Amino acid sequence: MSKGSPGPTPGFLVWRLANKWRVAVDRALAPLGLTHAQYAVVASLYGMARAGERPSQRRLADHTGMEALYVSKLARALETAGLIERTRDPRDPRAVQLTLTDGGRTVARQAVVTVQELLQQLLEPLGGLDSARTRVFTDELTTLLDAPLAPSVPTDESTQGRTP
């Protein structure tokens, strides 16, 4: 590469990879009537239920990294599709608990198998899902995701010399 063109930034590459994988998952799950975002909800609920947890929408949002409002929108659509039930938490009437229906568990199991097969294919350039390179890649991504974001500081000249 020339000095004038340093190549894509890591952020651009992560964005491109995320979009590529989202599209691939959307296509793979279309026969099950799920989008990638809906899959994140049903697969997470499936795993959490297997661990004995019945999460609130807020807990699921924290688990998936999605905004609570987006999880609420997805949950309503999945409820309409008959895949999940939304009920008031008896301990906190403001909270909504989510559970998979019988049909939701069936779809979730099928979707997890489909996505695992897709991930094997997508990770083949690194040696596949269980390879050492994939484990290193996963560890590096986890490190980046676990790093807290510092609040942005305005650099506008109008804020120079002022205390917030």
C-alpha atoms as a PDB file:
ATOM      1  CA  MET A   1       0.000   0.000   0.000  1.00  0.00           C
ATOM      2  CA  SER A   2       1.164   3.507  -0.653  1.00  0.00           C
ATOM      3  CA  LYS A   3       1.855   6.050   2.071  1.00  0.00           C
ATOM      4  CA  GLY A   4      -1.179   8.058   0.928  1.00  0.00           C
ATOM      5  CA  SER A   5      -3.479   5.055   1.406  1.00  0.00           C
ATOM      6  CA  PRO A   6      -2.780   3.354   4.746  1.00  0.00           C
ATOM      7  CA  GLY A   7      -5.555   0.821   4.207  1.00  0.00           C
ATOM      8  CA  PRO A   8      -8.766   0.202   6.079  1.00  0.00           C
ATOM      9  CA  THR A   9      -8.929   0.951   9.775  1.00  0.00           C
ATOM     10  CA  PRO A  10      -9.738  -1.791  12.293  1.00  0.00           C
ATOM     11  CA  GLY A  11     -13.084  -0.101  12.953  1.00  0.00           C
ATOM     12  CA  PHE A  12     -13.985  -0.191   9.272  1.00  0.00           C
ATOM     13  CA  LEU A  13     -13.019  -3.870   9.041  1.00  0.00           C
ATOM     14  CA  VAL A  14     -15.068  -4.780  12.135  1.00  0.00           C
ATOM     15  CA  TRP A  15     -18.034  -2.888  10.693  1.00  0.00           C
ATOM     16  CA  ARG A  16     -17.681  -4.662   7.321  1.00  0.00           C
ATOM     17  CA  LEU A  17     -17.341  -8.076   8.978  1.00  0.00           C
ATOM     18  CA  ALA A  18     -20.348  -7.444  11.227  1.00  0.00           C
ATOM     19  CA  ASN A  19     -22.445  -6.468   8.202  1.00  0.00           C
ATOM     20  CA  LYS A  20     -21.237  -9.471   6.183  1.00  0.00           C
ATOM     21  CA  TRP A  21     -22.085 -11.866   9.015  1.00  0.00           C
ATOM     22  CA  ARG A  22     -25.442 -10.195   9.734  1.00  0.00           C
ATOM     23  CA  VAL A  23     -26.487 -10.580   6.097  1.00  0.00           C
ATOM     24  CA  ALA A  24     -25.329 -14.222   6.056  1.00  0.00           C
ATOM     25  CA  VAL A  25     -27.271 -14.996   9.248  1.00  0.00           C
ATOM     26  CA  ASP A  26     -30.360 -13.161   7.966  1.00  0.00           C
ATOM     27  CA  ARG A  27     -30.308 -15.275   4.795  1.00  0.00           C
ATOM     28  CA  ALA A  28     -29.702 -18.541   6.649  1.00  0.00           C
ATOM     29  CA  LEU A  29     -32.527 -17.871   9.125  1.00  0.00           C
ATOM     30  CA  ALA A  30     -35.079 -16.549   6.637  1.00  0.00           C
ATOM     31  CA  PRO A  31     -36.687 -20.010   6.205  1.00  0.00           C
ATOM     32  CA  LEU A  32     -37.331 -20.021   9.980  1.00  0.00           C
ATOM     33  CA  GLY A  33     -38.905 -16.550   9.802  1.00  0.00           C
ATOM     34  CA  LEU A  34     -36.156 -14.921  11.885  1.00  0.00           C
ATOM     35  CA  THR A  35     -33.799 -12.023  11.381  1.00  0.00           C
ATOM     36  CA  HIS A  36     -30.341 -11.914  12.912  1.00  0.00           C
ATOM     37  CA  ALA A  37     -31.570  -9.562  15.663  1.00  0.00           C
ATOM     38  CA  GLN A  38     -34.535 -11.816  16.433  1.00  0.00           C
ATOM     39  CA  TYR A  39     -32.155 -14.761  16.540  1.00  0.00           C
ATOM     40  CA  ALA A  40     -30.070 -12.948  19.143  1.00  0.00           C
ATOM     41  CA  VAL A  41     -33.189 -12.684  21.305  1.00  0.00           C
ATOM     42  CA  VAL A  42     -34.509 -16.250  20.910  1.00  0.00           C
ATOM     43  CA  ALA A  43     -31.071 -17.910  21.107  1.00  0.00           C
ATOM     44  CA  SER A  44     -30.198 -15.885  24.204  1.00  0.00           C
ATOM     45  CA  LEU A  45     -33.538 -16.735  25.816  1.00  0.00           C
ATOM     46  CA  TYR A  46     -32.982 -20.387  24.948  1.00  0.00           C
ATOM     47  CA  GLY A  47     -29.549 -20.418  26.576  1.00  0.00           C
ATOM     48  CA  MET A  48     -30.675 -18.418  29.595  1.00  0.00           C
ATOM     49  CA  ALA A  49     -33.668 -20.725  30.145  1.00  0.00           C
ATOM     50  CA  ARG A  50     -31.368 -23.756  30.006  1.00  0.00           C
ATOM     51  CA  ALA A  51     -29.354 -22.065  32.767  1.00  0.00           C
ATOM     52  CA  GLY A  52     -32.546 -21.645  34.824  1.00  0.00           C
ATOM     53  CA  GLU A  53     -32.969 -17.943  34.182  1.00  0.00           C
ATOM     54  CA  ARG A  54     -36.165 -16.141  33.169  1.00  0.00           C
ATOM     55  CA  PRO A  55     -34.807 -12.741  32.202  1.00  0.00           C
ATOM     56  CA  SER A  56     -36.476  -9.384  32.079  1.00  0.00           C
ATOM     57  CA  GLN A  57     -36.280  -7.356  28.888  1.00  0.00           C
ATOM     58  CA  ARG A  58     -33.653  -5.194  30.604  1.00  0.00           C
ATOM     59  CA  ARG A  59     -31.539  -8.223  31.567  1.00  0.00           C
ATOM     60  CA  LEU A  60     -31.798  -9.569  28.021  1.00  0.00           C
ATOM     61  CA  ALA A  61     -30.760  -6.183  26.626  1.00  0.00           C
ATOM     62  CA  ASP A  62     -27.701  -6.201  28.889  1.00  0.00           C
ATOM     63  CA  HIS A  63     -26.910  -9.780  27.878  1.00  0.00           C
ATOM     64  CA  THR A  64     -27.133  -9.122  24.129  1.00  0.00           C
ATOM     65  CA  GLY A  65     -25.651  -5.629  24.120  1.00  0.00           C
ATOM     66  CA  MET A  66     -28.760  -4.254  22.415  1.00  0.00           C
ATOM     67  CA  GLU A  67     -30.673  -1.182  23.481  1.00  0.00           C
ATOM     68  CA  ALA A  68     -33.577  -1.977  25.823  1.00  0.00           C
ATOM     69  CA  LEU A  69     -36.041  -0.211  23.512  1.00  0.00           C
ATOM     70  CA  TYR A  70     -34.891  -2.372  20.586  1.00  0.00           C
ATOM     71  CA  VAL A  71     -35.227  -5.563  22.653  1.00  0.00           C
ATOM     72  CA  SER A  72     -38.749  -4.464  23.589  1.00  0.00           C
ATOM     73  CA  LYS A  73     -39.629  -3.957  19.908  1.00  0.00           C
ATOM     74  CA  LEU A  74     -38.155  -7.344  18.963  1.00  0.00           C
ATOM     75  CA  ALA A  75     -39.942  -9.039  21.876  1.00  0.00           C
ATOM     76  CA  ARG A  76     -43.310  -7.634  20.786  1.00  0.00           C
ATOM     77  CA  ALA A  77     -42.762  -8.921  17.229  1.00  0.00           C
ATOM     78  CA  LEU A  78     -41.666 -12.335  18.505  1.00  0.00           C
ATOM     79  CA  GLU A  79     -44.699 -12.446  20.802  1.00  0.00           C
ATOM     80  CA  THR A  80     -46.972 -11.688  17.851  1.00  0.00           C
ATOM     81  CA  ALA A  81     -45.266 -14.537  15.961  1.00  0.00           C
ATOM     82  CA  GLY A  82     -46.029 -16.860  18.885  1.00  0.00           C
ATOM     83  CA  LEU A  83     -42.382 -17.514  19.760  1.00  0.00           C
ATOM     84  CA  ILE A  84     -42.166 -15.800  23.147  1.00  0.00           C
ATOM     85  CA  GLU A  85     -44.406 -14.755  26.003  1.00  0.00           C
ATOM     86  CA  ARG A  86     -44.073 -11.418  27.753  1.00  0.00           C
ATOM     87  CA  THR A  87     -45.403 -11.286  31.334  1.00  0.00           C
ATOM     88  CA  ARG A  88     -45.162  -8.845  34.205  1.00  0.00           C
ATOM     89  CA  ASP A  89     -42.555  -9.727  36.797  1.00  0.00           C
ATOM     90  CA  PRO A  90     -44.414 -10.470  40.056  1.00  0.00           C
ATOM     91  CA  ARG A  91     -41.527  -8.928  42.037  1.00  0.00           C
ATOM     92  CA  ASP A  92     -41.413  -5.726  39.956  1.00  0.00           C
ATOM     93  CA  PRO A  93     -44.596  -4.681  38.151  1.00  0.00           C
ATOM     94  CA  ARG A  94     -42.581  -2.321  35.923  1.00  0.00           C
ATOM     95  CA  ALA A  95     -40.454  -5.178  34.544  1.00  0.00           C
ATOM     96  CA  VAL A  96     -41.443  -7.560  31.779  1.00  0.00           C
ATOM     97  CA  GLN A  97     -40.167 -11.143  31.849  1.00  0.00           C
ATOM     98  CA  LEU A  98     -39.575 -13.085  28.658  1.00  0.00           C
ATOM     99  CA  THR A  99     -39.941 -16.813  28.035  1.00  0.00           C
ATOM    100  CA  LEU A 100     -39.943 -18.928  24.903  1.00  0.00           C
ATOM    101  CA  THR A 101     -43.145 -20.722  23.975  1.00  0.00           C
ATOM    102  CA  ASP A 102     -42.968 -24.397  22.988  1.00  0.00           C
ATOM    103  CA  GLY A 103     -42.856 -23.282  19.363  1.00  0.00           C
ATOM    104  CA  GLY A 104     -40.208 -20.714  20.242  1.00  0.00           C
ATOM    105  CA  ARG A 105     -38.003 -23.410  21.779  1.00  0.00           C
ATOM    106  CA  THR A 106     -38.354 -25.525  18.643  1.00  0.00           C
ATOM    107  CA  VAL A 107     -37.449 -22.600  16.375  1.00  0.00           C
ATOM    108  CA  ALA A 108     -34.593 -21.576  18.688  1.00  0.00           C
ATOM    109  CA  ARG A 109     -33.071 -25.088  18.571  1.00  0.00           C
ATOM    110  CA  GLN A 110     -33.296 -25.158  14.772  1.00  0.00           C
ATOM    111  CA  ALA A 111     -31.870 -21.644  14.511  1.00  0.00           C
ATOM    112  CA  VAL A 112     -28.918 -22.445  16.789  1.00  0.00           C
ATOM    113  CA  VAL A 113     -28.015 -25.468  14.634  1.00  0.00           C
ATOM    114  CA  THR A 114     -28.329 -23.369  11.467  1.00  0.00           C
ATOM    115  CA  VAL A 115     -26.135 -20.582  12.840  1.00  0.00           C
ATOM    116  CA  GLN A 116     -23.532 -23.033  14.177  1.00  0.00           C
ATOM    117  CA  GLU A 117     -23.252 -24.567  10.692  1.00  0.00           C
ATOM    118  CA  LEU A 118     -22.966 -21.094   9.174  1.00  0.00           C
ATOM    119  CA  LEU A 119     -20.306 -20.066  11.693  1.00  0.00           C
ATOM    120  CA  GLN A 120     -18.285 -23.155  10.811  1.00  0.00           C
ATOM    121  CA  GLN A 121     -18.381 -22.032   7.189  1.00  0.00           C
ATOM    122  CA  LEU A 122     -17.619 -18.369   7.949  1.00  0.00           C
ATOM    123  CA  LEU A 123     -14.706 -19.309  10.218  1.00  0.00           C
ATOM    124  CA  GLU A 124     -13.196 -21.840   7.825  1.00  0.00           C
ATOM    125  CA  PRO A 125     -10.473 -19.362   6.756  1.00  0.00           C
ATOM    126  CA  LEU A 126      -9.278 -19.458  10.405  1.00  0.00           C
ATOM    127  CA  GLY A 127      -9.485 -23.240  10.590  1.00  0.00           C
ATOM    128  CA  GLY A 128     -13.122 -23.572  11.613  1.00  0.00           C
ATOM    129  CA  LEU A 129     -15.154 -23.013  14.736  1.00  0.00           C
ATOM    130  CA  ASP A 130     -12.937 -25.081  17.038  1.00  0.00           C
ATOM    131  CA  SER A 131      -9.518 -24.011  15.749  1.00  0.00           C
ATOM    132  CA  ALA A 132      -6.783 -22.344  17.796  1.00  0.00           C
ATOM    133  CA  ARG A 133      -6.892 -19.302  15.467  1.00  0.00           C
ATOM    134  CA  THR A 134     -10.630 -18.920  16.072  1.00  0.00           C
ATOM    135  CA  ARG A 135     -10.086 -19.110  19.841  1.00  0.00           C
ATOM    136  CA  VAL A 136      -7.441 -16.349  19.604  1.00  0.00           C
ATOM    137  CA  PHE A 137      -9.753 -14.293  17.372  1.00  0.00           C
ATOM    138  CA  THR A 138     -12.592 -14.763  19.864  1.00  0.00           C
ATOM    139  CA  ASP A 139     -10.349 -13.768  22.768  1.00  0.00           C
ATOM    140  CA  GLU A 140      -9.264 -10.602  20.948  1.00  0.00           C
ATOM    141  CA  LEU A 141     -12.863  -9.651  20.143  1.00  0.00           C
ATOM    142  CA  THR A 142     -13.849 -10.310  23.762  1.00  0.00           C
ATOM    143  CA  THR A 143     -11.052  -8.038  24.962  1.00  0.00           C
ATOM    144  CA  LEU A 144     -12.311  -5.235  22.731  1.00  0.00           C
ATOM    145  CA  LEU A 145     -15.936  -5.755  23.770  1.00  0.00           C
ATOM    146  CA  ASP A 146     -15.033  -5.828  27.469  1.00  0.00           C
ATOM    147  CA  ALA A 147     -13.141  -2.517  27.311  1.00  0.00           C
ATOM    148  CA  PRO A 148     -15.362   0.295  28.605  1.00  0.00           C
ATOM    149  CA  LEU A 149     -15.991   3.209  26.322  1.00  0.00           C
ATOM    150  CA  ALA A 150     -14.724   6.474  27.729  1.00  0.00           C
ATOM    151  CA  PRO A 151     -17.258   9.286  27.533  1.00  0.00           C
ATOM    152  CA  SER A 152     -16.569  11.550  24.600  1.00  0.00           C
ATOM    153  CA  VAL A 153     -15.108  14.916  25.450  1.00  0.00           C
ATOM    154  CA  PRO A 154     -16.123  17.857  23.271  1.00  0.00           C
ATOM    155  CA  THR A 155     -13.181  19.455  21.493  1.00  0.00           C
ATOM    156  CA  ASP A 156     -15.123  22.418  20.213  1.00  0.00           C
ATOM    157  CA  GLU A 157     -13.368  25.704  20.892  1.00  0.00           C
ATOM    158  CA  SER A 158     -16.580  27.031  22.467  1.00  0.00           C
ATOM    159  CA  THR A 159     -16.143  24.598  25.360  1.00  0.00           C
ATOM    160  CA  GLN A 160     -12.437  25.324  25.940  1.00  0.00           C
ATOM    161  CA  GLY A 161     -11.747  26.704  29.375  1.00  0.00           C
ATOM    162  CA  ARG A 162     -15.186  25.839  30.719  1.00  0.00           C
ATOM    163  CA  THR A 163     -15.923  23.293  33.375  1.00  0.00           C
ATOM    164  CA  PRO A 164     -18.822  20.973  32.684  1.00  0.00           C
END
